[in-house]
């Protein structure tokens, strides 16, 4: 029963994120609203970690299974995928390197700011 209650809290916050998505004219996905709302609730103490921890860990444990339908869809559409494989690989490689570089530089900058050093 505890898992059901915790799941209800998580899904309630998710629904509140969906509501915010429909009400606010910002280009932010509903899931992001829900995550920030849950973060706010946890930091403010309105929701205690113990109230959502077990369900959250369960959802993390089964997350890999959530990718199975998408993987099957990609496999079923392999003919279409082969038509765009080269641009897809190039774009994925370039954006991965870009994201890694920006993340690394941002981390270096923040570490420098927090430690009082200049980069």
PDB file of N, CA and C in Angstrom:
ATOM      1  N   UNK A   1       0.817  -1.193   0.000  1.00  0.00           N
ATOM      2  CA  UNK A   1       0.000   0.000   0.000  1.00  0.00           C
ATOM      3  C   UNK A   1       0.864   1.262   0.000  1.00  0.00           C
ATOM      4  N   UNK A   2       2.047   1.164   0.657  1.00  0.00           N
ATOM      5  CA  UNK A   2       2.956   2.308   0.707  1.00  0.00           C
ATOM      6  C   UNK A   2       3.429   2.692  -0.692  1.00  0.00           C
ATOM      7  N   UNK A   3       3.693   1.692  -1.512  1.00  0.00           N
ATOM      8  CA  UNK A   3       4.146   1.949  -2.886  1.00  0.00           C
ATOM      9  C   UNK A   3       3.058   2.656  -3.696  1.00  0.00           C
ATOM     10  N   UNK A   4       1.814   2.289  -3.462  1.00  0.00           N
ATOM     11  CA  UNK A   4       0.704   2.933  -4.162  1.00  0.00           C
ATOM     12  C   UNK A   4       0.596   4.398  -3.739  1.00  0.00           C
ATOM     13  N   UNK A   5       0.730   4.666  -2.455  1.00  0.00           N
ATOM     14  CA  UNK A   5       0.658   6.048  -1.961  1.00  0.00           C
ATOM     15  C   UNK A   5       1.803   6.881  -2.529  1.00  0.00           C
ATOM     16  N   UNK A   6       3.006   6.330  -2.530  1.00  0.00           N
ATOM     17  CA  UNK A   6       4.156   7.049  -3.067  1.00  0.00           C
ATOM     18  C   UNK A   6       4.005   7.286  -4.568  1.00  0.00           C
ATOM     19  N   UNK A   7       3.509   6.267  -5.268  1.00  0.00           N
ATOM     20  CA  UNK A   7       3.259   6.427  -6.700  1.00  0.00           C
ATOM     21  C   UNK A   7       2.221   7.496  -6.969  1.00  0.00           C
ATOM     22  N   UNK A   8       1.206   7.562  -6.116  1.00  0.00           N
ATOM     23  CA  UNK A   8       0.170   8.581  -6.282  1.00  0.00           C
ATOM     24  C   UNK A   8       0.751   9.980  -6.098  1.00  0.00           C
ATOM     25  N   UNK A   9       1.672  10.136  -5.157  1.00  0.00           N
ATOM     26  CA  UNK A   9       2.313  11.443  -4.961  1.00  0.00           C
ATOM     27  C   UNK A   9       3.124  11.817  -6.192  1.00  0.00           C
ATOM     28  N   UNK A  10       3.921  10.877  -6.682  1.00  0.00           N
ATOM     29  CA  UNK A  10       4.757  11.155  -7.855  1.00  0.00           C
ATOM     30  C   UNK A  10       3.894  11.473  -9.068  1.00  0.00           C
ATOM     31  N   UNK A  11       2.873  10.676  -9.289  1.00  0.00           N
ATOM     32  CA  UNK A  11       2.019  10.926 -10.455  1.00  0.00           C
ATOM     33  C   UNK A  11       1.166  12.180 -10.279  1.00  0.00           C
ATOM     34  N   UNK A  12       0.822  12.523  -9.047  1.00  0.00           N
ATOM     35  CA  UNK A  12       0.113  13.774  -8.799  1.00  0.00           C
ATOM     36  C   UNK A  12       0.976  14.977  -9.151  1.00  0.00           C
ATOM     37  N   UNK A  13       2.245  14.905  -8.785  1.00  0.00           N
ATOM     38  CA  UNK A  13       3.176  15.982  -9.139  1.00  0.00           C
ATOM     39  C   UNK A  13       3.355  16.029 -10.658  1.00  0.00           C
ATOM     40  N   UNK A  14       3.390  14.862 -11.280  1.00  0.00           N
ATOM     41  CA  UNK A  14       3.498  14.812 -12.743  1.00  0.00           C
ATOM     42  C   UNK A  14       2.286  15.463 -13.391  1.00  0.00           C
ATOM     43  N   UNK A  15       1.105  15.195 -12.862  1.00  0.00           N
ATOM     44  CA  UNK A  15      -0.110  15.815 -13.403  1.00  0.00           C
ATOM     45  C   UNK A  15      -0.106  17.323 -13.181  1.00  0.00           C
ATOM     46  N   UNK A  16       0.418  17.764 -12.039  1.00  0.00           N
ATOM     47  CA  UNK A  16       0.541  19.205 -11.793  1.00  0.00           C
ATOM     48  C   UNK A  16       1.494  19.823 -12.813  1.00  0.00           C
ATOM     49  N   UNK A  17       2.544  19.096 -13.184  1.00  0.00           N
ATOM     50  CA  UNK A  17       3.450  19.565 -14.230  1.00  0.00           C
ATOM     51  C   UNK A  17       2.743  19.679 -15.573  1.00  0.00           C
ATOM     52  N   UNK A  18       1.882  18.719 -15.868  1.00  0.00           N
ATOM     53  CA  UNK A  18       1.090  18.779 -17.104  1.00  0.00           C
ATOM     54  C   UNK A  18       0.155  19.990 -17.083  1.00  0.00           C
ATOM     55  N   UNK A  19      -0.433  20.263 -15.938  1.00  0.00           N
ATOM     56  CA  UNK A  19      -1.321  21.419 -15.809  1.00  0.00           C
ATOM     57  C   UNK A  19      -0.550  22.726 -16.010  1.00  0.00           C
ATOM     58  N   UNK A  20       0.633  22.810 -15.401  1.00  0.00           N
ATOM     59  CA  UNK A  20       1.464  23.998 -15.586  1.00  0.00           C
ATOM     60  C   UNK A  20       1.846  24.172 -17.056  1.00  0.00           C
ATOM     61  N   UNK A  21       2.104  23.062 -17.716  1.00  0.00           N
ATOM     62  CA  UNK A  21       2.459  23.112 -19.138  1.00  0.00           C
ATOM     63  C   UNK A  21       1.328  23.709 -19.971  1.00  0.00           C
ATOM     64  N   UNK A  22       0.099  23.354 -19.636  1.00  0.00           N
ATOM     65  CA  UNK A  22      -1.032  23.893 -20.406  1.00  0.00           C
ATOM     66  C   UNK A  22      -1.337  25.339 -20.041  1.00  0.00           C
ATOM     67  N   UNK A  23      -1.022  25.744 -18.803  1.00  0.00           N
ATOM     68  CA  UNK A  23      -1.350  27.098 -18.362  1.00  0.00           C
ATOM     69  C   UNK A  23      -0.280  28.129 -18.709  1.00  0.00           C
ATOM     70  N   UNK A  24       0.986  27.737 -18.634  1.00  0.00           N
ATOM     71  CA  UNK A  24       2.071  28.688 -18.864  1.00  0.00           C
ATOM     72  C   UNK A  24       2.509  28.658 -20.327  1.00  0.00           C
ATOM     73  N   UNK A  25       2.696  29.834 -20.933  1.00  0.00           N
ATOM     74  CA  UNK A  25       3.067  29.877 -22.349  1.00  0.00           C
ATOM     75  C   UNK A  25       4.574  29.771 -22.581  1.00  0.00           C
ATOM     76  N   UNK A  26       5.270  28.960 -21.784  1.00  0.00           N
ATOM     77  CA  UNK A  26       6.714  28.814 -21.926  1.00  0.00           C
ATOM     78  C   UNK A  26       7.043  27.537 -22.698  1.00  0.00           C
ATOM     79  N   UNK A  27       8.142  27.541 -23.446  1.00  0.00           N
ATOM     80  CA  UNK A  27       8.513  26.339 -24.215  1.00  0.00           C
ATOM     81  C   UNK A  27       9.272  25.328 -23.353  1.00  0.00           C
ATOM     82  N   UNK A  28       8.639  24.900 -22.279  1.00  0.00           N
ATOM     83  CA  UNK A  28       9.244  23.955 -21.344  1.00  0.00           C
ATOM     84  C   UNK A  28       8.382  22.693 -21.331  1.00  0.00           C
ATOM     85  N   UNK A  29       9.000  21.513 -21.478  1.00  0.00           N
ATOM     86  CA  UNK A  29       8.209  20.275 -21.439  1.00  0.00           C
ATOM     87  C   UNK A  29       7.519  20.073 -20.090  1.00  0.00           C
ATOM     88  N   UNK A  30       6.394  19.404 -20.123  1.00  0.00           N
ATOM     89  CA  UNK A  30       5.622  19.168 -18.903  1.00  0.00           C
ATOM     90  C   UNK A  30       6.417  18.377 -17.875  1.00  0.00           C
ATOM     91  N   UNK A  31       7.237  17.443 -18.333  1.00  0.00           N
ATOM     92  CA  UNK A  31       8.045  16.657 -17.413  1.00  0.00           C
ATOM     93  C   UNK A  31       9.028  17.503 -16.624  1.00  0.00           C
ATOM     94  N   UNK A  32       9.544  18.546 -17.265  1.00  0.00           N
ATOM     95  CA  UNK A  32      10.482  19.431 -16.578  1.00  0.00           C
ATOM     96  C   UNK A  32       9.754  20.215 -15.486  1.00  0.00           C
ATOM     97  N   UNK A  33       8.549  20.674 -15.795  1.00  0.00           N
ATOM     98  CA  UNK A  33       7.741  21.335 -14.765  1.00  0.00           C
ATOM     99  C   UNK A  33       7.541  20.398 -13.578  1.00  0.00           C
ATOM    100  N   UNK A  34       7.201  19.151 -13.856  1.00  0.00           N
ATOM    101  CA  UNK A  34       6.975  18.183 -12.794  1.00  0.00           C
ATOM    102  C   UNK A  34       8.225  17.930 -11.968  1.00  0.00           C
ATOM    103  N   UNK A  35       9.375  17.816 -12.638  1.00  0.00           N
ATOM    104  CA  UNK A  35      10.622  17.583 -11.908  1.00  0.00           C
ATOM    105  C   UNK A  35      10.963  18.756 -11.000  1.00  0.00           C
ATOM    106  N   UNK A  36      10.826  19.980 -11.520  1.00  0.00           N
ATOM    107  CA  UNK A  36      11.127  21.138 -10.693  1.00  0.00           C
ATOM    108  C   UNK A  36      10.111  21.298  -9.561  1.00  0.00           C
ATOM    109  N   UNK A  37       8.875  20.949  -9.832  1.00  0.00           N
ATOM    110  CA  UNK A  37       7.858  21.010  -8.789  1.00  0.00           C
ATOM    111  C   UNK A  37       8.175  20.012  -7.677  1.00  0.00           C
ATOM    112  N   UNK A  38       8.560  18.799  -8.051  1.00  0.00           N
ATOM    113  CA  UNK A  38       8.932  17.802  -7.045  1.00  0.00           C
ATOM    114  C   UNK A  38      10.179  18.238  -6.291  1.00  0.00           C
ATOM    115  N   UNK A  39      11.150  18.814  -6.994  1.00  0.00           N
ATOM    116  CA  UNK A  39      12.343  19.330  -6.324  1.00  0.00           C
ATOM    117  C   UNK A  39      11.969  20.397  -5.309  1.00  0.00           C
ATOM    118  N   UNK A  40      11.110  21.329  -5.697  1.00  0.00           N
ATOM    119  CA  UNK A  40      10.656  22.379  -4.777  1.00  0.00           C
ATOM    120  C   UNK A  40       9.961  21.769  -3.563  1.00  0.00           C
ATOM    121  N   UNK A  41       9.092  20.804  -3.810  1.00  0.00           N
ATOM    122  CA  UNK A  41       8.360  20.176  -2.701  1.00  0.00           C
ATOM    123  C   UNK A  41       9.312  19.454  -1.746  1.00  0.00           C
ATOM    124  N   UNK A  42      10.327  18.806  -2.295  1.00  0.00           N
ATOM    125  CA  UNK A  42      11.293  18.113  -1.450  1.00  0.00           C
ATOM    126  C   UNK A  42      12.165  19.102  -0.675  1.00  0.00           C
ATOM    127  N   UNK A  43      12.623  20.156  -1.340  1.00  0.00           N
ATOM    128  CA  UNK A  43      13.477  21.131  -0.665  1.00  0.00           C
ATOM    129  C   UNK A  43      12.726  21.928   0.398  1.00  0.00           C
ATOM    130  N   UNK A  44      11.456  22.189   0.142  1.00  0.00           N
ATOM    131  CA  UNK A  44      10.668  22.955   1.105  1.00  0.00           C
ATOM    132  C   UNK A  44      10.189  22.099   2.270  1.00  0.00           C
ATOM    133  N   UNK A  45      10.256  20.803   2.122  1.00  0.00           N
ATOM    134  CA  UNK A  45       9.815  19.921   3.191  1.00  0.00           C
ATOM    135  C   UNK A  45       8.337  19.573   3.133  1.00  0.00           C
ATOM    136  N   UNK A  46       7.628  20.100   2.129  1.00  0.00           N
ATOM    137  CA  UNK A  46       6.213  19.751   1.991  1.00  0.00           C
ATOM    138  C   UNK A  46       6.046  18.270   1.675  1.00  0.00           C
ATOM    139  N   UNK A  47       7.004  17.712   0.954  1.00  0.00           N
ATOM    140  CA  UNK A  47       7.054  16.270   0.707  1.00  0.00           C
ATOM    141  C   UNK A  47       8.391  15.790   1.239  1.00  0.00           C
ATOM    142  N   UNK A  48       8.364  14.786   2.064  1.00  0.00           N
ATOM    143  CA  UNK A  48       9.588  14.209   2.615  1.00  0.00           C
ATOM    144  C   UNK A  48      10.102  13.135   1.659  1.00  0.00           C
ATOM    145  N   UNK A  49      11.421  12.969   1.639  1.00  0.00           N
ATOM    146  CA  UNK A  49      12.023  11.976   0.756  1.00  0.00           C
ATOM    147  C   UNK A  49      11.450  10.580   1.015  1.00  0.00           C
ATOM    148  N   UNK A  50      11.194  10.269   2.263  1.00  0.00           N
ATOM    149  CA  UNK A  50      10.654   8.950   2.614  1.00  0.00           C
ATOM    150  C   UNK A  50       9.274   8.722   1.996  1.00  0.00           C
ATOM    151  N   UNK A  51       8.569   9.813   1.666  1.00  0.00           N
ATOM    152  CA  UNK A  51       7.226   9.687   1.098  1.00  0.00           C
ATOM    153  C   UNK A  51       7.246   9.298  -0.381  1.00  0.00           C
ATOM    154  N   UNK A  52       8.403   9.413  -1.039  1.00  0.00           N
ATOM    155  CA  UNK A  52       8.467   9.088  -2.471  1.00  0.00           C
ATOM    156  C   UNK A  52       9.665   8.207  -2.828  1.00  0.00           C
ATOM    157  N   UNK A  53      10.497   7.895  -1.870  1.00  0.00           N
ATOM    158  CA  UNK A  53      11.758   7.210  -2.158  1.00  0.00           C
ATOM    159  C   UNK A  53      11.575   5.814  -2.746  1.00  0.00           C
ATOM    160  N   UNK A  54      10.738   5.001  -2.142  1.00  0.00           N
ATOM    161  CA  UNK A  54      10.575   3.622  -2.612  1.00  0.00           C
ATOM    162  C   UNK A  54      10.012   3.582  -4.028  1.00  0.00           C
ATOM    163  N   UNK A  55       8.986   4.368  -4.288  1.00  0.00           N
ATOM    164  CA  UNK A  55       8.403   4.397  -5.645  1.00  0.00           C
ATOM    165  C   UNK A  55       9.393   4.974  -6.635  1.00  0.00           C
ATOM    166  N   UNK A  56      10.137   5.993  -6.237  1.00  0.00           N
ATOM    167  CA  UNK A  56      11.146   6.572  -7.123  1.00  0.00           C
ATOM    168  C   UNK A  56      12.226   5.568  -7.477  1.00  0.00           C
ATOM    169  N   UNK A  57      12.695   4.815  -6.495  1.00  0.00           N
ATOM    170  CA  UNK A  57      13.708   3.789  -6.753  1.00  0.00           C
ATOM    171  C   UNK A  57      13.146   2.681  -7.646  1.00  0.00           C
ATOM    172  N   UNK A  58      11.889   2.327  -7.438  1.00  0.00           N
ATOM    173  CA  UNK A  58      11.251   1.328  -8.295  1.00  0.00           C
ATOM    174  C   UNK A  58      11.209   1.813  -9.744  1.00  0.00           C
ATOM    175  N   UNK A  59      10.823   3.077  -9.938  1.00  0.00           N
ATOM    176  CA  UNK A  59      10.760   3.622 -11.294  1.00  0.00           C
ATOM    177  C   UNK A  59      12.148   3.673 -11.934  1.00  0.00           C
ATOM    178  N   UNK A  60      13.165   3.981 -11.136  1.00  0.00           N
ATOM    179  CA  UNK A  60      14.528   3.959 -11.668  1.00  0.00           C
ATOM    180  C   UNK A  60      14.959   2.546 -12.039  1.00  0.00           C
ATOM    181  N   UNK A  61      14.562   1.576 -11.229  1.00  0.00           N
ATOM    182  CA  UNK A  61      14.922   0.190 -11.496  1.00  0.00           C
ATOM    183  C   UNK A  61      14.324  -0.334 -12.801  1.00  0.00           C
ATOM    184  N   UNK A  62      13.106   0.090 -13.125  1.00  0.00           N
ATOM    185  CA  UNK A  62      12.450  -0.420 -14.330  1.00  0.00           C
ATOM    186  C   UNK A  62      12.613   0.501 -15.536  1.00  0.00           C
ATOM    187  N   UNK A  63      13.413   1.561 -15.379  1.00  0.00           N
ATOM    188  CA  UNK A  63      13.539   2.537 -16.467  1.00  0.00           C
ATOM    189  C   UNK A  63      14.039   1.901 -17.762  1.00  0.00           C
ATOM    190  N   UNK A  64      14.964   0.971 -17.684  1.00  0.00           N
ATOM    191  CA  UNK A  64      15.494   0.346 -18.894  1.00  0.00           C
ATOM    192  C   UNK A  64      14.386  -0.346 -19.692  1.00  0.00           C
ATOM    193  N   UNK A  65      13.413  -0.924 -19.002  1.00  0.00           N
ATOM    194  CA  UNK A  65      12.320  -1.601 -19.705  1.00  0.00           C
ATOM    195  C   UNK A  65      11.451  -0.622 -20.484  1.00  0.00           C
ATOM    196  N   UNK A  66      11.444   0.647 -20.076  1.00  0.00           N
ATOM    197  CA  UNK A  66      10.630   1.649 -20.764  1.00  0.00           C
ATOM    198  C   UNK A  66      11.171   1.967 -22.159  1.00  0.00           C
ATOM    199  N   UNK A  67      12.431   1.598 -22.420  1.00  0.00           N
ATOM    200  CA  UNK A  67      13.025   1.845 -23.731  1.00  0.00           C
ATOM    201  C   UNK A  67      12.754   0.709 -24.715  1.00  0.00           C
ATOM    202  N   UNK A  68      12.205  -0.399 -24.251  1.00  0.00           N
ATOM    203  CA  UNK A  68      11.959  -1.545 -25.127  1.00  0.00           C
ATOM    204  C   UNK A  68      11.000  -1.196 -26.264  1.00  0.00           C
ATOM    205  N   UNK A  69       9.852  -0.561 -26.024  1.00  0.00           N
ATOM    206  CA  UNK A  69       8.963  -0.230 -27.146  1.00  0.00           C
ATOM    207  C   UNK A  69       9.624   0.692 -28.182  1.00  0.00           C
ATOM    208  N   UNK A  70      10.402   1.658 -27.734  1.00  0.00           N
ATOM    209  CA  UNK A  70      11.087   2.548 -28.679  1.00  0.00           C
ATOM    210  C   UNK A  70      12.110   1.774 -29.490  1.00  0.00           C
ATOM    211  N   UNK A  71      12.817   0.853 -28.852  1.00  0.00           N
ATOM    212  CA  UNK A  71      13.804   0.046 -29.556  1.00  0.00           C
ATOM    213  C   UNK A  71      13.138  -0.856 -30.589  1.00  0.00           C
ATOM    214  N   UNK A  72      12.030  -1.448 -30.224  1.00  0.00           N
ATOM    215  CA  UNK A  72      11.292  -2.287 -31.173  1.00  0.00           C
ATOM    216  C   UNK A  72      10.810  -1.442 -32.351  1.00  0.00           C
ATOM    217  N   UNK A  73      10.346  -0.227 -32.084  1.00  0.00           N
ATOM    218  CA  UNK A  73       9.916   0.668 -33.155  1.00  0.00           C
ATOM    219  C   UNK A  73      11.046   1.007 -34.095  1.00  0.00           C
ATOM    220  N   UNK A  74      12.239   1.218 -33.559  1.00  0.00           N
ATOM    221  CA  UNK A  74      13.399   1.517 -34.403  1.00  0.00           C
ATOM    222  C   UNK A  74      13.768   0.299 -35.240  1.00  0.00           C
ATOM    223  N   UNK A  75      13.733  -0.866 -34.628  1.00  0.00           N
ATOM    224  CA  UNK A  75      14.063  -2.092 -35.364  1.00  0.00           C
ATOM    225  C   UNK A  75      13.054  -2.330 -36.487  1.00  0.00           C
ATOM    226  N   UNK A  76      11.775  -2.068 -36.202  1.00  0.00           N
ATOM    227  CA  UNK A  76      10.743  -2.243 -37.224  1.00  0.00           C
ATOM    228  C   UNK A  76      10.906  -1.240 -38.372  1.00  0.00           C
ATOM    229  N   UNK A  77      11.528  -0.105 -38.096  1.00  0.00           N
ATOM    230  CA  UNK A  77      11.700   0.929 -39.112  1.00  0.00           C
ATOM    231  C   UNK A  77      13.139   1.004 -39.608  1.00  0.00           C
ATOM    232  N   UNK A  78      13.838  -0.119 -39.587  1.00  0.00           N
ATOM    233  CA  UNK A  78      15.255  -0.094 -39.935  1.00  0.00           C
ATOM    234  C   UNK A  78      15.503   0.337 -41.377  1.00  0.00           C
ATOM    235  N   UNK A  79      14.568   0.058 -42.286  1.00  0.00           N
ATOM    236  CA  UNK A  79      14.751   0.502 -43.668  1.00  0.00           C
ATOM    237  C   UNK A  79      14.789   2.029 -43.751  1.00  0.00           C
ATOM    238  N   UNK A  80      13.897   2.679 -43.016  1.00  0.00           N
ATOM    239  CA  UNK A  80      13.907   4.137 -42.982  1.00  0.00           C
ATOM    240  C   UNK A  80      15.155   4.656 -42.280  1.00  0.00           C
ATOM    241  N   UNK A  81      15.590   3.950 -41.251  1.00  0.00           N
ATOM    242  CA  UNK A  81      16.770   4.375 -40.506  1.00  0.00           C
ATOM    243  C   UNK A  81      18.024   4.293 -41.362  1.00  0.00           C
ATOM    244  N   UNK A  82      18.148   3.249 -42.189  1.00  0.00           N
ATOM    245  CA  UNK A  82      19.319   3.115 -43.043  1.00  0.00           C
ATOM    246  C   UNK A  82      19.417   4.256 -44.054  1.00  0.00           C
ATOM    247  N   UNK A  83      18.296   4.808 -44.453  1.00  0.00           N
ATOM    248  CA  UNK A  83      18.297   5.914 -45.412  1.00  0.00           C
ATOM    249  C   UNK A  83      18.919   7.179 -44.822  1.00  0.00           C
ATOM    250  N   UNK A  84      18.828   7.339 -43.526  1.00  0.00           N
ATOM    251  CA  UNK A  84      19.357   8.542 -42.878  1.00  0.00           C
ATOM    252  C   UNK A  84      20.470   8.210 -41.896  1.00  0.00           C
ATOM    253  N   UNK A  85      21.078   7.041 -42.015  1.00  0.00           N
ATOM    254  CA  UNK A  85      22.073   6.586 -41.043  1.00  0.00           C
ATOM    255  C   UNK A  85      23.302   7.485 -40.999  1.00  0.00           C
ATOM    256  N   UNK A  86      23.832   7.846 -42.151  1.00  0.00           N
ATOM    257  CA  UNK A  86      25.064   8.653 -42.168  1.00  0.00           C
ATOM    258  C   UNK A  86      24.836  10.035 -41.554  1.00  0.00           C
ATOM    259  N   UNK A  87      23.811  10.802 -41.995  1.00  0.00           N
ATOM    260  CA  UNK A  87      23.591  12.096 -41.326  1.00  0.00           C
ATOM    261  C   UNK A  87      23.285  11.944 -39.836  1.00  0.00           C
ATOM    262  N   UNK A  88      22.558  10.903 -39.492  1.00  0.00           N
ATOM    263  CA  UNK A  88      22.213  10.668 -38.082  1.00  0.00           C
ATOM    264  C   UNK A  88      23.475  10.441 -37.252  1.00  0.00           C
ATOM    265  N   UNK A  89      24.384   9.628 -37.750  1.00  0.00           N
ATOM    266  CA  UNK A  89      25.628   9.337 -37.020  1.00  0.00           C
ATOM    267  C   UNK A  89      26.489  10.594 -36.907  1.00  0.00           C
ATOM    268  N   UNK A  90      26.570  11.366 -37.985  1.00  0.00           N
ATOM    269  CA  UNK A  90      27.368  12.599 -37.957  1.00  0.00           C
ATOM    270  C   UNK A  90      26.781  13.594 -36.964  1.00  0.00           C
ATOM    271  N   UNK A  91      25.482  13.822 -37.042  1.00  0.00           N
ATOM    272  CA  UNK A  91      24.835  14.777 -36.147  1.00  0.00           C
ATOM    273  C   UNK A  91      24.951  14.322 -34.697  1.00  0.00           C
ATOM    274  N   UNK A  92      24.729  13.045 -34.442  1.00  0.00           N
ATOM    275  CA  UNK A  92      24.827  12.515 -33.079  1.00  0.00           C
ATOM    276  C   UNK A  92      26.242  12.659 -32.539  1.00  0.00           C
ATOM    277  N   UNK A  93      27.237  12.359 -33.354  1.00  0.00           N
ATOM    278  CA  UNK A  93      28.636  12.471 -32.916  1.00  0.00           C
ATOM    279  C   UNK A  93      28.999  13.919 -32.609  1.00  0.00           C
ATOM    280  N   UNK A  94      28.659  14.830 -33.521  1.00  0.00           N
ATOM    281  CA  UNK A  94      29.002  16.238 -33.321  1.00  0.00           C
ATOM    282  C   UNK A  94      28.299  16.831 -32.096  1.00  0.00           C
ATOM    283  N   UNK A  95      27.029  16.549 -31.953  1.00  0.00           N
ATOM    284  CA  UNK A  95      26.311  17.117 -30.810  1.00  0.00           C
ATOM    285  C   UNK A  95      26.775  16.494 -29.494  1.00  0.00           C
ATOM    286  N   UNK A  96      27.177  15.230 -29.508  1.00  0.00           N
ATOM    287  CA  UNK A  96      27.703  14.605 -28.292  1.00  0.00           C
ATOM    288  C   UNK A  96      28.997  15.285 -27.864  1.00  0.00           C
ATOM    289  N   UNK A  97      29.895  15.502 -28.820  1.00  0.00           N
ATOM    290  CA  UNK A  97      31.152  16.185 -28.509  1.00  0.00           C
ATOM    291  C   UNK A  97      30.870  17.606 -28.016  1.00  0.00           C
ATOM    292  N   UNK A  98      29.945  18.305 -28.661  1.00  0.00           N
ATOM    293  CA  UNK A  98      29.598  19.667 -28.261  1.00  0.00           C
ATOM    294  C   UNK A  98      29.051  19.701 -26.835  1.00  0.00           C
ATOM    295  N   UNK A  99      28.126  18.812 -26.531  1.00  0.00           N
ATOM    296  CA  UNK A  99      27.531  18.777 -25.187  1.00  0.00           C
ATOM    297  C   UNK A  99      28.591  18.437 -24.148  1.00  0.00           C
ATOM    298  N   UNK A 100      29.475  17.499 -24.454  1.00  0.00           N
ATOM    299  CA  UNK A 100      30.538  17.150 -23.509  1.00  0.00           C
ATOM    300  C   UNK A 100      31.462  18.335 -23.268  1.00  0.00           C
ATOM    301  N   UNK A 101      31.815  19.067 -24.330  1.00  0.00           N
ATOM    302  CA  UNK A 101      32.708  20.219 -24.191  1.00  0.00           C
ATOM    303  C   UNK A 101      32.051  21.325 -23.377  1.00  0.00           C
ATOM    304  N   UNK A 102      30.800  21.635 -23.675  1.00  0.00           N
ATOM    305  CA  UNK A 102      30.103  22.687 -22.936  1.00  0.00           C
ATOM    306  C   UNK A 102      29.920  22.284 -21.472  1.00  0.00           C
ATOM    307  N   UNK A 103      29.583  21.047 -21.223  1.00  0.00           N
ATOM    308  CA  UNK A 103      29.419  20.574 -19.851  1.00  0.00           C
ATOM    309  C   UNK A 103      30.740  20.642 -19.094  1.00  0.00           C
ATOM    310  N   UNK A 104      31.815  20.215 -19.730  1.00  0.00           N
ATOM    311  CA  UNK A 104      33.133  20.268 -19.093  1.00  0.00           C
ATOM    312  C   UNK A 104      33.555  21.686 -18.768  1.00  0.00           C
ATOM    313  N   UNK A 105      33.395  22.603 -19.727  1.00  0.00           N
ATOM    314  CA  UNK A 105      33.765  24.005 -19.500  1.00  0.00           C
ATOM    315  C   UNK A 105      32.890  24.634 -18.414  1.00  0.00           C
ATOM    316  N   UNK A 106      31.618  24.304 -18.415  1.00  0.00           N
ATOM    317  CA  UNK A 106      30.723  24.831 -17.383  1.00  0.00           C
ATOM    318  C   UNK A 106      31.137  24.314 -16.010  1.00  0.00           C
ATOM    319  N   UNK A 107      31.457  23.029 -15.922  1.00  0.00           N
ATOM    320  CA  UNK A 107      31.899  22.452 -14.649  1.00  0.00           C
ATOM    321  C   UNK A 107      33.192  23.107 -14.186  1.00  0.00           C
ATOM    322  N   UNK A 108      34.146  23.311 -15.102  1.00  0.00           N
ATOM    323  CA  UNK A 108      35.393  23.969 -14.736  1.00  0.00           C
ATOM    324  C   UNK A 108      35.133  25.389 -14.234  1.00  0.00           C
ATOM    325  N   UNK A 109      34.268  26.096 -14.918  1.00  0.00           N
ATOM    326  CA  UNK A 109      33.935  27.460 -14.517  1.00  0.00           C
ATOM    327  C   UNK A 109      33.322  27.492 -13.121  1.00  0.00           C
ATOM    328  N   UNK A 110      32.356  26.607 -12.886  1.00  0.00           N
ATOM    329  CA  UNK A 110      31.692  26.581 -11.580  1.00  0.00           C
ATOM    330  C   UNK A 110      32.636  26.148 -10.474  1.00  0.00           C
ATOM    331  N   UNK A 111      33.502  25.177 -10.740  1.00  0.00           N
ATOM    332  CA  UNK A 111      34.478  24.747  -9.736  1.00  0.00           C
ATOM    333  C   UNK A 111      35.419  25.895  -9.426  1.00  0.00           C
ATOM    334  N   UNK A 112      35.838  26.620 -10.462  1.00  0.00           N
ATOM    335  CA  UNK A 112      36.708  27.775 -10.246  1.00  0.00           C
ATOM    336  C   UNK A 112      36.026  28.853  -9.421  1.00  0.00           C
ATOM    337  N   UNK A 113      34.739  29.117  -9.715  1.00  0.00           N
ATOM    338  CA  UNK A 113      34.004  30.116  -8.948  1.00  0.00           C
ATOM    339  C   UNK A 113      33.837  29.705  -7.497  1.00  0.00           C
ATOM    340  N   UNK A 114      33.527  28.431  -7.289  1.00  0.00           N
ATOM    341  CA  UNK A 114      33.300  27.960  -5.922  1.00  0.00           C
ATOM    342  C   UNK A 114      34.578  27.892  -5.107  1.00  0.00           C
ATOM    343  N   UNK A 115      35.699  27.630  -5.767  1.00  0.00           N
ATOM    344  CA  UNK A 115      36.963  27.541  -5.027  1.00  0.00           C
ATOM    345  C   UNK A 115      37.681  28.887  -4.969  1.00  0.00           C
ATOM    346  N   UNK A 116      37.164  29.902  -5.683  1.00  0.00           N
ATOM    347  CA  UNK A 116      37.744  31.235  -5.646  1.00  0.00           C
ATOM    348  C   UNK A 116      38.845  31.457  -6.656  1.00  0.00           C
ATOM    349  N   UNK A 117      39.095  30.476  -7.528  1.00  0.00           N
ATOM    350  CA  UNK A 117      40.137  30.589  -8.549  1.00  0.00           C
ATOM    351  C   UNK A 117      39.529  31.155  -9.817  1.00  0.00           C
ATOM    352  N   UNK A 118      40.387  31.746 -10.647  1.00  0.00           N
ATOM    353  CA  UNK A 118      39.939  32.218 -11.961  1.00  0.00           C
ATOM    354  C   UNK A 118      40.401  31.249 -13.020  1.00  0.00           C
ATOM    355  N   UNK A 119      39.531  30.983 -14.002  1.00  0.00           N
ATOM    356  CA  UNK A 119      39.900  30.121 -15.139  1.00  0.00           C
ATOM    357  C   UNK A 119      40.150  30.957 -16.360  1.00  0.00           C
TER     358      UNK A 119
END
